[in-house]
């Protein structure tokens, strides 16, 4: 699989309210997932799968920084992202910002988002893809939501091994 045709840029804050960009994590592979903490099915399943991927990498996972970028900045403020991720997926760093900042980040990854009103409030429909940026913060790979943990881990293992040689 080739690199995705995306810019992969962002200027957000992490769940500790520290400003970050794609350059913040240079030197490490960035595993990027878009979602939101109020999601009940797709996002929790995607994060669980990526936790499985990181488990399969073993010690090599230290070269990867897993990022969870919100598509719901209205609710996903840093404190909410921190509480959610520490309770469910502590390896992940949550990223948020203003609606404009998160919209710009989504657009740079070609992530579709749309707010949809529901009887319980609202939901956010969005592209369900996982993106990988290389240590220079350039787009390297992407995987659809249908890819399983085993095949993603195999791809990552090969990329990490090739980068060490």
C-alpha atoms as a PDB file:
ATOM      1  CA  UNK A   1       0.000   0.000   0.000  1.00  0.00           C
ATOM      2  CA  UNK A   2       1.373   3.403  -0.927  1.00  0.00           C
ATOM      3  CA  UNK A   3       1.266   6.629   1.026  1.00  0.00           C
ATOM      4  CA  UNK A   4      -2.118   8.349   1.118  1.00  0.00           C
ATOM      5  CA  UNK A   5      -2.594  11.505  -0.983  1.00  0.00           C
ATOM      6  CA  UNK A   6      -2.912  13.797   2.037  1.00  0.00           C
ATOM      7  CA  UNK A   7      -1.089  16.782   3.568  1.00  0.00           C
ATOM      8  CA  UNK A   8      -1.293  15.361   7.116  1.00  0.00           C
ATOM      9  CA  UNK A   9      -0.834  18.645   8.937  1.00  0.00           C
ATOM     10  CA  UNK A  10      -2.378  19.834  12.166  1.00  0.00           C
ATOM     11  CA  UNK A  11      -2.059  22.542  14.787  1.00  0.00           C
ATOM     12  CA  UNK A  12      -3.963  21.402  17.872  1.00  0.00           C
ATOM     13  CA  UNK A  13      -3.559  20.891  21.621  1.00  0.00           C
ATOM     14  CA  UNK A  14      -3.002  17.553  23.291  1.00  0.00           C
ATOM     15  CA  UNK A  15      -5.085  16.291  26.179  1.00  0.00           C
ATOM     16  CA  UNK A  16      -2.714  18.069  28.575  1.00  0.00           C
ATOM     17  CA  UNK A  17      -3.536  21.346  26.779  1.00  0.00           C
ATOM     18  CA  UNK A  18      -0.043  21.548  25.235  1.00  0.00           C
ATOM     19  CA  UNK A  19       0.103  22.933  21.665  1.00  0.00           C
ATOM     20  CA  UNK A  20       1.226  20.315  19.126  1.00  0.00           C
ATOM     21  CA  UNK A  21       1.698  19.979  15.387  1.00  0.00           C
ATOM     22  CA  UNK A  22       2.704  17.052  13.210  1.00  0.00           C
ATOM     23  CA  UNK A  23       6.298  18.273  13.708  1.00  0.00           C
ATOM     24  CA  UNK A  24       6.054  17.806  17.497  1.00  0.00           C
ATOM     25  CA  UNK A  25       6.407  14.049  17.097  1.00  0.00           C
ATOM     26  CA  UNK A  26       9.180  13.996  14.479  1.00  0.00           C
ATOM     27  CA  UNK A  27      11.525  11.096  15.035  1.00  0.00           C
ATOM     28  CA  UNK A  28       8.618   8.773  15.857  1.00  0.00           C
ATOM     29  CA  UNK A  29       5.990   7.132  13.701  1.00  0.00           C
ATOM     30  CA  UNK A  30       2.553   8.729  14.210  1.00  0.00           C
ATOM     31  CA  UNK A  31      -0.440   6.386  14.200  1.00  0.00           C
ATOM     32  CA  UNK A  32      -3.385   8.746  13.690  1.00  0.00           C
ATOM     33  CA  UNK A  33      -7.047   7.904  14.274  1.00  0.00           C
ATOM     34  CA  UNK A  34      -9.895  10.407  14.025  1.00  0.00           C
ATOM     35  CA  UNK A  35     -12.943   9.948  16.258  1.00  0.00           C
ATOM     36  CA  UNK A  36     -14.799  11.287  19.262  1.00  0.00           C
ATOM     37  CA  UNK A  37     -15.316  10.242  22.856  1.00  0.00           C
ATOM     38  CA  UNK A  38     -19.124  10.079  22.652  1.00  0.00           C
ATOM     39  CA  UNK A  39     -19.007   7.475  19.889  1.00  0.00           C
ATOM     40  CA  UNK A  40     -20.494   4.208  21.076  1.00  0.00           C
ATOM     41  CA  UNK A  41     -19.419   1.648  18.457  1.00  0.00           C
ATOM     42  CA  UNK A  42     -16.985   2.505  15.657  1.00  0.00           C
ATOM     43  CA  UNK A  43     -14.441   4.632  17.568  1.00  0.00           C
ATOM     44  CA  UNK A  44     -14.114   2.325  20.593  1.00  0.00           C
ATOM     45  CA  UNK A  45     -13.712  -0.647  18.233  1.00  0.00           C
ATOM     46  CA  UNK A  46     -11.037   1.189  16.209  1.00  0.00           C
ATOM     47  CA  UNK A  47      -9.074   2.176  19.321  1.00  0.00           C
ATOM     48  CA  UNK A  48      -9.278  -1.374  20.711  1.00  0.00           C
ATOM     49  CA  UNK A  49      -7.964  -2.695  17.393  1.00  0.00           C
ATOM     50  CA  UNK A  50      -5.064  -0.234  17.456  1.00  0.00           C
ATOM     51  CA  UNK A  51      -4.273  -1.220  21.050  1.00  0.00           C
ATOM     52  CA  UNK A  52      -4.075  -4.789  19.753  1.00  0.00           C
ATOM     53  CA  UNK A  53      -1.750  -3.616  16.954  1.00  0.00           C
ATOM     54  CA  UNK A  54       0.542  -1.924  19.484  1.00  0.00           C
ATOM     55  CA  UNK A  55       0.526  -5.057  21.664  1.00  0.00           C
ATOM     56  CA  UNK A  56       1.560  -7.128  18.639  1.00  0.00           C
ATOM     57  CA  UNK A  57       4.488  -4.779  17.968  1.00  0.00           C
ATOM     58  CA  UNK A  58       5.987  -5.500  21.382  1.00  0.00           C
ATOM     59  CA  UNK A  59       9.046  -3.380  22.149  1.00  0.00           C
ATOM     60  CA  UNK A  60       8.920  -1.844  18.655  1.00  0.00           C
ATOM     61  CA  UNK A  61       5.759   0.027  19.726  1.00  0.00           C
ATOM     62  CA  UNK A  62       8.046   2.514  21.511  1.00  0.00           C
ATOM     63  CA  UNK A  63       8.810   4.006  18.082  1.00  0.00           C
ATOM     64  CA  UNK A  64       5.107   4.777  17.530  1.00  0.00           C
ATOM     65  CA  UNK A  65       3.056   7.590  19.061  1.00  0.00           C
ATOM     66  CA  UNK A  66      -0.675   6.758  18.844  1.00  0.00           C
ATOM     67  CA  UNK A  67      -2.838   9.861  18.374  1.00  0.00           C
ATOM     68  CA  UNK A  68      -6.608  10.234  18.648  1.00  0.00           C
ATOM     69  CA  UNK A  69      -7.813  13.396  16.899  1.00  0.00           C
ATOM     70  CA  UNK A  70     -11.320  14.493  17.784  1.00  0.00           C
ATOM     71  CA  UNK A  71     -13.961  15.339  15.214  1.00  0.00           C
ATOM     72  CA  UNK A  72     -16.111  16.737  18.054  1.00  0.00           C
ATOM     73  CA  UNK A  73     -14.195  19.675  19.573  1.00  0.00           C
ATOM     74  CA  UNK A  74     -17.343  21.078  21.178  1.00  0.00           C
ATOM     75  CA  UNK A  75     -17.491  18.192  23.655  1.00  0.00           C
ATOM     76  CA  UNK A  76     -13.954  16.795  23.438  1.00  0.00           C
ATOM     77  CA  UNK A  77     -12.061  19.428  25.368  1.00  0.00           C
ATOM     78  CA  UNK A  78      -8.627  18.422  26.689  1.00  0.00           C
ATOM     79  CA  UNK A  79      -9.916  17.344  30.103  1.00  0.00           C
ATOM     80  CA  UNK A  80     -12.578  15.094  28.600  1.00  0.00           C
ATOM     81  CA  UNK A  81     -10.104  13.523  26.168  1.00  0.00           C
ATOM     82  CA  UNK A  82      -7.633  12.935  28.987  1.00  0.00           C
ATOM     83  CA  UNK A  83     -10.211  11.285  31.267  1.00  0.00           C
ATOM     84  CA  UNK A  84     -11.579   9.143  28.439  1.00  0.00           C
ATOM     85  CA  UNK A  85      -8.242   7.964  27.092  1.00  0.00           C
ATOM     86  CA  UNK A  86      -6.613   7.359  30.467  1.00  0.00           C
ATOM     87  CA  UNK A  87      -9.589   5.171  31.427  1.00  0.00           C
ATOM     88  CA  UNK A  88      -9.848   3.253  28.154  1.00  0.00           C
ATOM     89  CA  UNK A  89      -6.738   3.623  25.945  1.00  0.00           C
ATOM     90  CA  UNK A  90      -3.905   5.130  28.003  1.00  0.00           C
ATOM     91  CA  UNK A  91      -1.267   4.778  25.280  1.00  0.00           C
ATOM     92  CA  UNK A  92      -3.117   7.282  23.112  1.00  0.00           C
ATOM     93  CA  UNK A  93      -2.642  11.033  23.162  1.00  0.00           C
ATOM     94  CA  UNK A  94      -5.849  12.923  22.461  1.00  0.00           C
ATOM     95  CA  UNK A  95      -5.734  15.972  20.206  1.00  0.00           C
ATOM     96  CA  UNK A  96      -8.348  18.724  20.034  1.00  0.00           C
ATOM     97  CA  UNK A  97      -8.700  22.426  19.361  1.00  0.00           C
ATOM     98  CA  UNK A  98     -11.198  24.891  18.038  1.00  0.00           C
ATOM     99  CA  UNK A  99     -13.752  23.819  15.449  1.00  0.00           C
ATOM    100  CA  UNK A 100     -11.617  25.568  12.823  1.00  0.00           C
ATOM    101  CA  UNK A 101      -8.413  23.821  13.944  1.00  0.00           C
ATOM    102  CA  UNK A 102      -9.948  20.351  14.081  1.00  0.00           C
ATOM    103  CA  UNK A 103     -11.714  20.998  10.769  1.00  0.00           C
ATOM    104  CA  UNK A 104      -8.401  21.999   9.184  1.00  0.00           C
ATOM    105  CA  UNK A 105      -6.746  18.848  10.569  1.00  0.00           C
ATOM    106  CA  UNK A 106      -9.554  16.650   9.225  1.00  0.00           C
ATOM    107  CA  UNK A 107      -9.363  18.343   5.831  1.00  0.00           C
ATOM    108  CA  UNK A 108      -5.589  17.857   5.650  1.00  0.00           C
ATOM    109  CA  UNK A 109      -6.113  14.108   6.158  1.00  0.00           C
ATOM    110  CA  UNK A 110      -9.125  14.121   3.803  1.00  0.00           C
ATOM    111  CA  UNK A 111     -11.375  13.020   6.659  1.00  0.00           C
ATOM    112  CA  UNK A 112     -15.060  13.630   6.001  1.00  0.00           C
ATOM    113  CA  UNK A 113     -17.050  14.844   9.016  1.00  0.00           C
ATOM    114  CA  UNK A 114     -20.693  15.791   9.436  1.00  0.00           C
ATOM    115  CA  UNK A 115     -22.643  16.616  12.564  1.00  0.00           C
ATOM    116  CA  UNK A 116     -26.004  14.866  12.674  1.00  0.00           C
ATOM    117  CA  UNK A 117     -28.709  15.766  15.185  1.00  0.00           C
ATOM    118  CA  UNK A 118     -30.212  12.843  17.090  1.00  0.00           C
ATOM    119  CA  UNK A 119     -32.917  12.541  19.755  1.00  0.00           C
ATOM    120  CA  UNK A 120     -30.134  12.279  22.371  1.00  0.00           C
ATOM    121  CA  UNK A 121     -28.262  15.388  21.116  1.00  0.00           C
ATOM    122  CA  UNK A 122     -25.944  14.899  18.173  1.00  0.00           C
ATOM    123  CA  UNK A 123     -23.557  12.447  16.586  1.00  0.00           C
ATOM    124  CA  UNK A 124     -20.597  13.056  14.270  1.00  0.00           C
ATOM    125  CA  UNK A 125     -20.264  10.947  11.161  1.00  0.00           C
ATOM    126  CA  UNK A 126     -16.676  10.697   9.946  1.00  0.00           C
ATOM    127  CA  UNK A 127     -14.218   8.769   7.830  1.00  0.00           C
ATOM    128  CA  UNK A 128     -13.003   5.631   9.607  1.00  0.00           C
ATOM    129  CA  UNK A 129      -9.377   5.293   8.547  1.00  0.00           C
ATOM    130  CA  UNK A 130      -6.084   4.919  10.368  1.00  0.00           C
ATOM    131  CA  UNK A 131      -3.162   6.942   9.071  1.00  0.00           C
ATOM    132  CA  UNK A 132       0.564   6.505   9.586  1.00  0.00           C
ATOM    133  CA  UNK A 133       3.087   9.321   9.378  1.00  0.00           C
ATOM    134  CA  UNK A 134       6.766   8.437   9.140  1.00  0.00           C
ATOM    135  CA  UNK A 135       9.436   9.858  11.490  1.00  0.00           C
ATOM    136  CA  UNK A 136       9.741  12.928   9.234  1.00  0.00           C
ATOM    137  CA  UNK A 137       5.959  13.502   9.693  1.00  0.00           C
ATOM    138  CA  UNK A 138       5.235  12.609   6.063  1.00  0.00           C
ATOM    139  CA  UNK A 139       2.259  10.406   5.112  1.00  0.00           C
ATOM    140  CA  UNK A 140       3.447   6.796   4.920  1.00  0.00           C
ATOM    141  CA  UNK A 141       0.425   4.441   4.969  1.00  0.00           C
ATOM    142  CA  UNK A 142      -3.260   4.221   5.711  1.00  0.00           C
ATOM    143  CA  UNK A 143      -5.627   1.420   6.567  1.00  0.00           C
ATOM    144  CA  UNK A 144      -9.384   1.240   6.197  1.00  0.00           C
ATOM    145  CA  UNK A 145     -11.544   0.332   9.163  1.00  0.00           C
ATOM    146  CA  UNK A 146     -11.994  -3.135   7.660  1.00  0.00           C
ATOM    147  CA  UNK A 147      -8.307  -4.068   8.075  1.00  0.00           C
ATOM    148  CA  UNK A 148      -7.662  -6.321  11.045  1.00  0.00           C
ATOM    149  CA  UNK A 149      -5.066  -5.841  13.771  1.00  0.00           C
ATOM    150  CA  UNK A 150      -2.901  -8.702  12.542  1.00  0.00           C
ATOM    151  CA  UNK A 151      -2.435  -7.273   9.044  1.00  0.00           C
ATOM    152  CA  UNK A 152      -1.867  -3.711  10.294  1.00  0.00           C
ATOM    153  CA  UNK A 153       0.715  -4.980  12.778  1.00  0.00           C
ATOM    154  CA  UNK A 154       2.446  -6.960  10.017  1.00  0.00           C
ATOM    155  CA  UNK A 155       2.624  -3.828   7.824  1.00  0.00           C
ATOM    156  CA  UNK A 156       3.958  -1.753  10.707  1.00  0.00           C
ATOM    157  CA  UNK A 157       6.501  -4.378  11.701  1.00  0.00           C
ATOM    158  CA  UNK A 158       7.864  -4.430   8.154  1.00  0.00           C
ATOM    159  CA  UNK A 159       8.035  -0.626   7.973  1.00  0.00           C
ATOM    160  CA  UNK A 160       9.753  -0.320  11.339  1.00  0.00           C
ATOM    161  CA  UNK A 161      12.278  -3.031  10.435  1.00  0.00           C
ATOM    162  CA  UNK A 162      13.028  -1.423   7.061  1.00  0.00           C
ATOM    163  CA  UNK A 163      13.531   1.955   8.740  1.00  0.00           C
ATOM    164  CA  UNK A 164      16.125   0.486  11.124  1.00  0.00           C
ATOM    165  CA  UNK A 165      18.266  -0.874   8.293  1.00  0.00           C
END
